[in-house]
Amino acid sequence: MSETQKLLASFAIIDGVAVITLDDGKANALSLSMQQAFNSALDQAQQAKLPVVITGRSGILSAGFDLKTLAAGGQSAVDMLDGGIKIAMRLLSFETPVVIACGGHAIAMGVFLLQCGDYRIGVAGNFKYSANEVAIGMTMPWSTIEILRQRLTPAALSRAVLLAETFTPTNGVENGLVDRVVATEAELLPAALEIAKSFSALNAAAHAASKLRLRSEVVDAIRAGLAKDHEGWKKLFLAS
């Protein structure tokens, strides 16, 4: 991993937990560079065979894809969109337990990533969990519908996909977006480390096999959705 990648997605082992911190100094856009750094950090976590905590910057997990890349179009835009969904599938299939510690907003691809943790922790405050595609004139991708479907309640799924409803830490647990909310940001990482460490008591092989059984159909559905999305993205961004 290069020094730039280390800054975008740092990796550390803390108290027997692999901790990945996403930080681009701004909105944690899932640019191609961020995705490369993220995947490299996940490679390290995979080699460590430890429970994983993924977190972001103060106030934000991620605001989604890099808008400059989308505006420029071309193959880079297609690759970035494909890459984000592939990271989501990787997290859903990750061999060890994954805790996502969301210190604030999770928007667009950020909220999709949030739904790929085995356990998700938010922070109380004026923060948004939003799949805002319909609000900004985009048809919700096939693949991201499947990502949301496997965690949100049925009613919340419809409101998220069709109405671009903004959820918050206040109603995030009841609607399926997070599993727990802590009162302050200072409590977030300690809580995430505590729950991740508790997962070390699980039988690793049984966890991995059970995750495969639980999510194999989900991942297949996301992959099938991505194939359809990819064709649409090529027409949108590669049209001559």
C-alpha atoms as a PDB file:
ATOM      1  CA  MET A   1       0.000   0.000   0.000  1.00  0.00           C
ATOM      2  CA  SER A   2       1.395   3.442  -0.987  1.00  0.00           C
ATOM      3  CA  GLU A   3       1.628   6.333   1.462  1.00  0.00           C
ATOM      4  CA  THR A   4      -1.336   8.014  -0.247  1.00  0.00           C
ATOM      5  CA  GLN A   5      -3.404   4.851   0.090  1.00  0.00           C
ATOM      6  CA  LYS A   6      -2.456   4.566   3.753  1.00  0.00           C
ATOM      7  CA  LEU A   7      -3.863   8.054   4.315  1.00  0.00           C
ATOM      8  CA  LEU A   8      -7.109   7.284   2.474  1.00  0.00           C
ATOM      9  CA  ALA A   9      -7.705   3.957   4.218  1.00  0.00           C
ATOM     10  CA  SER A  10      -5.451   3.329   7.191  1.00  0.00           C
ATOM     11  CA  PHE A  11      -5.069  -0.114   8.739  1.00  0.00           C
ATOM     12  CA  ALA A  12      -4.210  -0.893  12.340  1.00  0.00           C
ATOM     13  CA  ILE A  13      -4.611  -3.763  14.764  1.00  0.00           C
ATOM     14  CA  ILE A  14      -6.061  -2.557  18.058  1.00  0.00           C
ATOM     15  CA  ASP A  15      -6.759  -4.978  20.904  1.00  0.00           C
ATOM     16  CA  GLY A  16      -6.973  -7.920  18.532  1.00  0.00           C
ATOM     17  CA  VAL A  17      -9.265  -6.126  16.074  1.00  0.00           C
ATOM     18  CA  ALA A  18      -8.381  -5.027  12.539  1.00  0.00           C
ATOM     19  CA  VAL A  19      -9.414  -1.374  12.244  1.00  0.00           C
ATOM     20  CA  ILE A  20      -9.823   0.312   8.859  1.00  0.00           C
ATOM     21  CA  THR A  21     -10.333   4.081   8.874  1.00  0.00           C
ATOM     22  CA  LEU A  22     -11.504   5.863   5.711  1.00  0.00           C
ATOM     23  CA  ASP A  23     -10.368   9.483   5.575  1.00  0.00           C
ATOM     24  CA  ASP A  24      -9.905  11.631   2.466  1.00  0.00           C
ATOM     25  CA  GLY A  25     -10.065  14.853   4.485  1.00  0.00           C
ATOM     26  CA  LYS A  26     -13.439  15.721   3.004  1.00  0.00           C
ATOM     27  CA  ALA A  27     -16.594  13.644   2.446  1.00  0.00           C
ATOM     28  CA  ASN A  28     -14.877  10.248   2.133  1.00  0.00           C
ATOM     29  CA  ALA A  29     -15.925   9.974  -1.492  1.00  0.00           C
ATOM     30  CA  LEU A  30     -15.539   6.443  -2.830  1.00  0.00           C
ATOM     31  CA  SER A  31     -13.246   7.500  -5.639  1.00  0.00           C
ATOM     32  CA  LEU A  32     -11.130   5.011  -7.552  1.00  0.00           C
ATOM     33  CA  SER A  33      -8.175   5.909  -5.308  1.00  0.00           C
ATOM     34  CA  MET A  34     -10.235   5.415  -2.158  1.00  0.00           C
ATOM     35  CA  GLN A  35     -11.516   2.084  -3.453  1.00  0.00           C
ATOM     36  CA  GLN A  36      -7.985   0.888  -4.187  1.00  0.00           C
ATOM     37  CA  ALA A  37      -6.879   1.889  -0.695  1.00  0.00           C
ATOM     38  CA  PHE A  38      -9.969   0.318   0.869  1.00  0.00           C
ATOM     39  CA  ASN A  39      -9.403  -2.979  -0.920  1.00  0.00           C
ATOM     40  CA  SER A  40      -5.740  -2.981   0.116  1.00  0.00           C
ATOM     41  CA  ALA A  41      -6.745  -2.464   3.748  1.00  0.00           C
ATOM     42  CA  LEU A  42      -9.299  -5.273   3.433  1.00  0.00           C
ATOM     43  CA  ASP A  43      -6.527  -7.499   2.048  1.00  0.00           C
ATOM     44  CA  GLN A  44      -4.540  -6.824   5.220  1.00  0.00           C
ATOM     45  CA  ALA A  45      -7.558  -7.537   7.397  1.00  0.00           C
ATOM     46  CA  GLN A  46      -8.178 -10.775   5.522  1.00  0.00           C
ATOM     47  CA  GLN A  47      -4.585 -11.867   6.101  1.00  0.00           C
ATOM     48  CA  ALA A  48      -4.848 -10.997   9.812  1.00  0.00           C
ATOM     49  CA  LYS A  49      -7.947 -13.226  10.188  1.00  0.00           C
ATOM     50  CA  LEU A  50      -9.344 -10.918  12.867  1.00  0.00           C
ATOM     51  CA  PRO A  51     -12.726  -9.263  13.411  1.00  0.00           C
ATOM     52  CA  VAL A  52     -12.866  -5.979  11.502  1.00  0.00           C
ATOM     53  CA  VAL A  53     -14.045  -2.493  12.408  1.00  0.00           C
ATOM     54  CA  ILE A  54     -14.586  -0.075   9.512  1.00  0.00           C
ATOM     55  CA  THR A  55     -15.059   3.575  10.354  1.00  0.00           C
ATOM     56  CA  GLY A  56     -14.776   6.998   8.737  1.00  0.00           C
ATOM     57  CA  ARG A  57     -14.065  10.606   9.589  1.00  0.00           C
ATOM     58  CA  SER A  58     -15.648  12.617  12.351  1.00  0.00           C
ATOM     59  CA  GLY A  59     -19.219  13.307  11.266  1.00  0.00           C
ATOM     60  CA  ILE A  60     -19.266  11.094   8.206  1.00  0.00           C
ATOM     61  CA  LEU A  61     -18.804   7.526   7.037  1.00  0.00           C
ATOM     62  CA  SER A  62     -19.075   8.404   3.334  1.00  0.00           C
ATOM     63  CA  ALA A  63     -21.140  10.702   1.140  1.00  0.00           C
ATOM     64  CA  GLY A  64     -20.977   8.298  -1.792  1.00  0.00           C
ATOM     65  CA  PHE A  65     -19.140   8.287  -5.096  1.00  0.00           C
ATOM     66  CA  ASP A  66     -16.779  10.993  -6.332  1.00  0.00           C
ATOM     67  CA  LEU A  67     -18.939  13.490  -8.209  1.00  0.00           C
ATOM     68  CA  LYS A  68     -16.065  14.851 -10.314  1.00  0.00           C
ATOM     69  CA  THR A  69     -15.441  11.401 -11.748  1.00  0.00           C
ATOM     70  CA  LEU A  70     -19.135  10.959 -12.509  1.00  0.00           C
ATOM     71  CA  ALA A  71     -19.313  14.382 -14.163  1.00  0.00           C
ATOM     72  CA  ALA A  72     -16.292  13.593 -16.342  1.00  0.00           C
ATOM     73  CA  GLY A  73     -17.857  10.310 -17.478  1.00  0.00           C
ATOM     74  CA  GLY A  74     -15.912   7.774 -19.487  1.00  0.00           C
ATOM     75  CA  GLN A  75     -14.527   4.430 -18.376  1.00  0.00           C
ATOM     76  CA  SER A  76     -13.397   5.834 -15.021  1.00  0.00           C
ATOM     77  CA  ALA A  77     -16.997   6.563 -14.054  1.00  0.00           C
ATOM     78  CA  VAL A  78     -18.086   3.033 -14.981  1.00  0.00           C
ATOM     79  CA  ASP A  79     -15.143   1.504 -13.131  1.00  0.00           C
ATOM     80  CA  MET A  80     -15.851   3.562 -10.023  1.00  0.00           C
ATOM     81  CA  LEU A  81     -19.516   2.535  -9.890  1.00  0.00           C
ATOM     82  CA  ASP A  82     -18.668  -1.116 -10.521  1.00  0.00           C
ATOM     83  CA  GLY A  83     -15.936  -1.000  -7.902  1.00  0.00           C
ATOM     84  CA  GLY A  84     -18.184   0.358  -5.186  1.00  0.00           C
ATOM     85  CA  ILE A  85     -20.693  -2.443  -5.615  1.00  0.00           C
ATOM     86  CA  LYS A  86     -17.899  -5.020  -5.668  1.00  0.00           C
ATOM     87  CA  ILE A  87     -16.641  -3.708  -2.322  1.00  0.00           C
ATOM     88  CA  ALA A  88     -20.168  -4.082  -0.956  1.00  0.00           C
ATOM     89  CA  MET A  89     -20.262  -7.708  -2.108  1.00  0.00           C
ATOM     90  CA  ARG A  90     -16.830  -8.291  -0.595  1.00  0.00           C
ATOM     91  CA  LEU A  91     -17.964  -6.984   2.783  1.00  0.00           C
ATOM     92  CA  LEU A  92     -21.121  -9.079   2.721  1.00  0.00           C
ATOM     93  CA  SER A  93     -18.986 -12.165   2.083  1.00  0.00           C
ATOM     94  CA  PHE A  94     -16.038 -11.298   4.343  1.00  0.00           C
ATOM     95  CA  GLU A  95     -14.761 -14.313   6.252  1.00  0.00           C
ATOM     96  CA  THR A  96     -14.497 -12.622   9.642  1.00  0.00           C
ATOM     97  CA  PRO A  97     -17.092 -10.475  11.476  1.00  0.00           C
ATOM     98  CA  VAL A  98     -17.369  -6.902  10.180  1.00  0.00           C
ATOM     99  CA  VAL A  99     -18.494  -4.036  12.420  1.00  0.00           C
ATOM    100  CA  ILE A 100     -19.179  -0.695  10.739  1.00  0.00           C
ATOM    101  CA  ALA A 101     -18.856   2.311  13.043  1.00  0.00           C
ATOM    102  CA  CYS A 102     -20.637   5.236  11.397  1.00  0.00           C
ATOM    103  CA  GLY A 103     -19.660   8.489  13.086  1.00  0.00           C
ATOM    104  CA  GLY A 104     -22.196  10.627  11.248  1.00  0.00           C
ATOM    105  CA  HIS A 105     -23.701  10.846   7.768  1.00  0.00           C
ATOM    106  CA  ALA A 106     -23.985   7.914   5.365  1.00  0.00           C
ATOM    107  CA  ILE A 107     -25.244   9.085   1.992  1.00  0.00           C
ATOM    108  CA  ALA A 108     -25.816   7.238  -1.317  1.00  0.00           C
ATOM    109  CA  MET A 109     -23.035   4.626  -1.668  1.00  0.00           C
ATOM    110  CA  GLY A 110     -22.131   5.438   1.932  1.00  0.00           C
ATOM    111  CA  VAL A 111     -25.462   4.149   3.211  1.00  0.00           C
ATOM    112  CA  PHE A 112     -25.167   1.087   0.973  1.00  0.00           C
ATOM    113  CA  LEU A 113     -21.787   0.288   2.531  1.00  0.00           C
ATOM    114  CA  LEU A 114     -23.304   0.724   5.977  1.00  0.00           C
ATOM    115  CA  GLN A 115     -25.769  -2.071   5.190  1.00  0.00           C
ATOM    116  CA  CYS A 116     -22.909  -4.481   4.452  1.00  0.00           C
ATOM    117  CA  GLY A 117     -21.627  -4.769   8.003  1.00  0.00           C
ATOM    118  CA  ASP A 118     -22.535  -7.698  10.221  1.00  0.00           C
ATOM    119  CA  TYR A 119     -23.098  -5.187  13.032  1.00  0.00           C
ATOM    120  CA  ARG A 120     -23.616  -1.447  12.505  1.00  0.00           C
ATOM    121  CA  ILE A 121     -23.227   1.311  15.077  1.00  0.00           C
ATOM    122  CA  GLY A 122     -24.271   4.934  14.625  1.00  0.00           C
ATOM    123  CA  VAL A 123     -23.899   8.080  16.725  1.00  0.00           C
ATOM    124  CA  ALA A 124     -26.775  10.191  18.017  1.00  0.00           C
ATOM    125  CA  GLY A 125     -27.001  13.590  16.372  1.00  0.00           C
ATOM    126  CA  ASN A 126     -28.262  15.531  13.394  1.00  0.00           C
ATOM    127  CA  PHE A 127     -27.010  12.961  10.888  1.00  0.00           C
ATOM    128  CA  LYS A 128     -28.544  11.529   7.739  1.00  0.00           C
ATOM    129  CA  TYR A 129     -28.742   7.982   6.390  1.00  0.00           C
ATOM    130  CA  SER A 130     -29.992   8.537   2.875  1.00  0.00           C
ATOM    131  CA  ALA A 131     -30.222   6.733  -0.445  1.00  0.00           C
ATOM    132  CA  ASN A 132     -30.919   9.962  -2.305  1.00  0.00           C
ATOM    133  CA  GLU A 133     -30.844   8.671  -5.887  1.00  0.00           C
ATOM    134  CA  VAL A 134     -34.494   9.393  -6.764  1.00  0.00           C
ATOM    135  CA  ALA A 135     -34.254  12.855  -5.215  1.00  0.00           C
ATOM    136  CA  ILE A 136     -31.377  13.780  -7.550  1.00  0.00           C
ATOM    137  CA  GLY A 137     -32.947  12.301 -10.674  1.00  0.00           C
ATOM    138  CA  MET A 138     -31.411   8.842 -10.752  1.00  0.00           C
ATOM    139  CA  THR A 139     -33.267   5.561 -11.051  1.00  0.00           C
ATOM    140  CA  MET A 140     -32.169   3.406  -8.132  1.00  0.00           C
ATOM    141  CA  PRO A 141     -29.669   0.808  -9.418  1.00  0.00           C
ATOM    142  CA  TRP A 142     -30.731  -2.826  -9.389  1.00  0.00           C
ATOM    143  CA  SER A 143     -27.724  -3.795  -7.303  1.00  0.00           C
ATOM    144  CA  THR A 144     -28.239  -1.222  -4.566  1.00  0.00           C
ATOM    145  CA  ILE A 145     -31.903  -2.163  -4.173  1.00  0.00           C
ATOM    146  CA  GLU A 146     -30.694  -5.652  -3.260  1.00  0.00           C
ATOM    147  CA  ILE A 147     -28.140  -4.242  -0.810  1.00  0.00           C
ATOM    148  CA  LEU A 148     -30.889  -2.308   0.952  1.00  0.00           C
ATOM    149  CA  ARG A 149     -33.401  -5.150   0.753  1.00  0.00           C
ATOM    150  CA  GLN A 150     -31.326  -7.479   2.926  1.00  0.00           C
ATOM    151  CA  ARG A 151     -31.238  -5.096   5.924  1.00  0.00           C
ATOM    152  CA  LEU A 152     -34.043  -2.519   5.879  1.00  0.00           C
ATOM    153  CA  THR A 153     -37.540  -3.347   7.025  1.00  0.00           C
ATOM    154  CA  PRO A 154     -39.969  -3.821   4.095  1.00  0.00           C
ATOM    155  CA  ALA A 155     -41.742  -0.519   4.739  1.00  0.00           C
ATOM    156  CA  ALA A 156     -38.478   1.382   5.115  1.00  0.00           C
ATOM    157  CA  LEU A 157     -37.131  -0.219   1.933  1.00  0.00           C
ATOM    158  CA  SER A 158     -40.045   1.110  -0.097  1.00  0.00           C
ATOM    159  CA  ARG A 159     -39.673   4.594   1.353  1.00  0.00           C
ATOM    160  CA  ALA A 160     -35.909   4.588   0.842  1.00  0.00           C
ATOM    161  CA  VAL A 161     -35.996   3.369  -2.766  1.00  0.00           C
ATOM    162  CA  LEU A 162     -39.126   5.121  -4.036  1.00  0.00           C
ATOM    163  CA  LEU A 163     -39.241   8.292  -1.936  1.00  0.00           C
ATOM    164  CA  ALA A 164     -35.575   8.876  -1.054  1.00  0.00           C
ATOM    165  CA  GLU A 165     -36.555   9.140   2.603  1.00  0.00           C
ATOM    166  CA  THR A 166     -33.838  10.430   4.889  1.00  0.00           C
ATOM    167  CA  PHE A 167     -33.422   8.310   8.006  1.00  0.00           C
ATOM    168  CA  THR A 168     -31.574   9.372  11.140  1.00  0.00           C
ATOM    169  CA  PRO A 169     -29.900   7.819  14.176  1.00  0.00           C
ATOM    170  CA  THR A 170     -33.188   8.437  16.002  1.00  0.00           C
ATOM    171  CA  ASN A 171     -35.151   6.023  13.799  1.00  0.00           C
ATOM    172  CA  GLY A 172     -32.265   4.079  12.286  1.00  0.00           C
ATOM    173  CA  VAL A 173     -32.556   1.023  14.526  1.00  0.00           C
ATOM    174  CA  GLU A 174     -36.298   0.523  14.113  1.00  0.00           C
ATOM    175  CA  ASN A 175     -36.019   0.812  10.324  1.00  0.00           C
ATOM    176  CA  GLY A 176     -33.075  -1.556  10.036  1.00  0.00           C
ATOM    177  CA  LEU A 177     -30.311   0.853   9.016  1.00  0.00           C
ATOM    178  CA  VAL A 178     -28.198   0.390  12.154  1.00  0.00           C
ATOM    179  CA  ASP A 179     -28.149  -2.069  15.038  1.00  0.00           C
ATOM    180  CA  ARG A 180     -27.164   0.324  17.814  1.00  0.00           C
ATOM    181  CA  VAL A 181     -26.681   4.035  18.421  1.00  0.00           C
ATOM    182  CA  VAL A 182     -24.237   5.454  20.961  1.00  0.00           C
ATOM    183  CA  ALA A 183     -24.723   8.850  22.569  1.00  0.00           C
ATOM    184  CA  THR A 184     -21.451  10.526  21.560  1.00  0.00           C
ATOM    185  CA  GLU A 185     -18.687  10.194  19.015  1.00  0.00           C
ATOM    186  CA  ALA A 186     -16.233   9.499  21.829  1.00  0.00           C
ATOM    187  CA  GLU A 187     -18.125   6.291  22.581  1.00  0.00           C
ATOM    188  CA  LEU A 188     -18.183   5.039  18.984  1.00  0.00           C
ATOM    189  CA  LEU A 189     -14.804   3.383  18.484  1.00  0.00           C
ATOM    190  CA  PRO A 190     -14.648   1.876  22.002  1.00  0.00           C
ATOM    191  CA  ALA A 191     -18.129   0.402  21.491  1.00  0.00           C
ATOM    192  CA  ALA A 192     -17.173  -0.942  18.060  1.00  0.00           C
ATOM    193  CA  LEU A 193     -13.962  -2.485  19.415  1.00  0.00           C
ATOM    194  CA  GLU A 194     -15.825  -4.051  22.325  1.00  0.00           C
ATOM    195  CA  ILE A 195     -18.436  -5.715  20.139  1.00  0.00           C
ATOM    196  CA  ALA A 196     -15.824  -6.797  17.563  1.00  0.00           C
ATOM    197  CA  LYS A 197     -13.654  -8.338  20.295  1.00  0.00           C
ATOM    198  CA  SER A 198     -16.687 -10.250  21.584  1.00  0.00           C
ATOM    199  CA  PHE A 199     -17.046 -11.828  18.139  1.00  0.00           C
ATOM    200  CA  SER A 200     -13.602 -13.395  18.574  1.00  0.00           C
ATOM    201  CA  ALA A 201     -15.343 -15.979  20.758  1.00  0.00           C
ATOM    202  CA  LEU A 202     -17.272 -17.252  17.731  1.00  0.00           C
ATOM    203  CA  ASN A 203     -16.082 -20.299  15.870  1.00  0.00           C
ATOM    204  CA  ALA A 204     -14.418 -18.751  12.819  1.00  0.00           C
ATOM    205  CA  ALA A 205     -15.246 -21.552  10.397  1.00  0.00           C
ATOM    206  CA  ALA A 206     -18.878 -21.701  11.526  1.00  0.00           C
ATOM    207  CA  HIS A 207     -19.214 -17.920  11.192  1.00  0.00           C
ATOM    208  CA  ALA A 208     -17.826 -17.909   7.652  1.00  0.00           C
ATOM    209  CA  ALA A 209     -19.934 -20.885   6.554  1.00  0.00           C
ATOM    210  CA  SER A 210     -23.105 -19.471   8.114  1.00  0.00           C
ATOM    211  CA  LYS A 211     -22.515 -16.102   6.453  1.00  0.00           C
ATOM    212  CA  LEU A 212     -22.194 -17.869   3.118  1.00  0.00           C
ATOM    213  CA  ARG A 213     -25.480 -19.706   3.689  1.00  0.00           C
ATOM    214  CA  LEU A 214     -27.276 -16.567   4.836  1.00  0.00           C
ATOM    215  CA  ARG A 215     -26.028 -14.270   2.103  1.00  0.00           C
ATOM    216  CA  SER A 216     -25.217 -16.379  -0.940  1.00  0.00           C
ATOM    217  CA  GLU A 217     -28.569 -15.605  -2.559  1.00  0.00           C
ATOM    218  CA  VAL A 218     -28.249 -11.931  -1.640  1.00  0.00           C
ATOM    219  CA  VAL A 219     -24.789 -11.663  -3.171  1.00  0.00           C
ATOM    220  CA  ASP A 220     -25.993 -13.503  -6.276  1.00  0.00           C
ATOM    221  CA  ALA A 221     -28.869 -11.029  -6.587  1.00  0.00           C
ATOM    222  CA  ILE A 222     -26.505  -8.069  -6.183  1.00  0.00           C
ATOM    223  CA  ARG A 223     -24.157  -9.554  -8.788  1.00  0.00           C
ATOM    224  CA  ALA A 224     -27.035 -10.056 -11.228  1.00  0.00           C
ATOM    225  CA  GLY A 225     -28.190  -6.514 -10.553  1.00  0.00           C
ATOM    226  CA  LEU A 226     -24.687  -5.184 -11.136  1.00  0.00           C
ATOM    227  CA  ALA A 227     -24.573  -6.882 -14.539  1.00  0.00           C
ATOM    228  CA  LYS A 228     -27.715  -4.974 -15.548  1.00  0.00           C
ATOM    229  CA  ASP A 229     -26.463  -1.758 -13.975  1.00  0.00           C
ATOM    230  CA  HIS A 230     -23.138  -2.091 -15.788  1.00  0.00           C
ATOM    231  CA  GLU A 231     -24.864  -2.131 -19.158  1.00  0.00           C
ATOM    232  CA  GLY A 232     -26.813   0.971 -18.213  1.00  0.00           C
ATOM    233  CA  TRP A 233     -23.711   2.760 -16.959  1.00  0.00           C
ATOM    234  CA  LYS A 234     -21.852   1.990 -20.204  1.00  0.00           C
ATOM    235  CA  LYS A 235     -24.667   3.555 -22.210  1.00  0.00           C
ATOM    236  CA  LEU A 236     -24.706   6.587 -19.913  1.00  0.00           C
ATOM    237  CA  PHE A 237     -20.978   7.230 -19.563  1.00  0.00           C
ATOM    238  CA  LEU A 238     -19.435   5.696 -22.688  1.00  0.00           C
ATOM    239  CA  ALA A 239     -21.870   7.002 -25.310  1.00  0.00           C
ATOM    240  CA  SER A 240     -19.929   8.560 -28.155  1.00  0.00           C
END
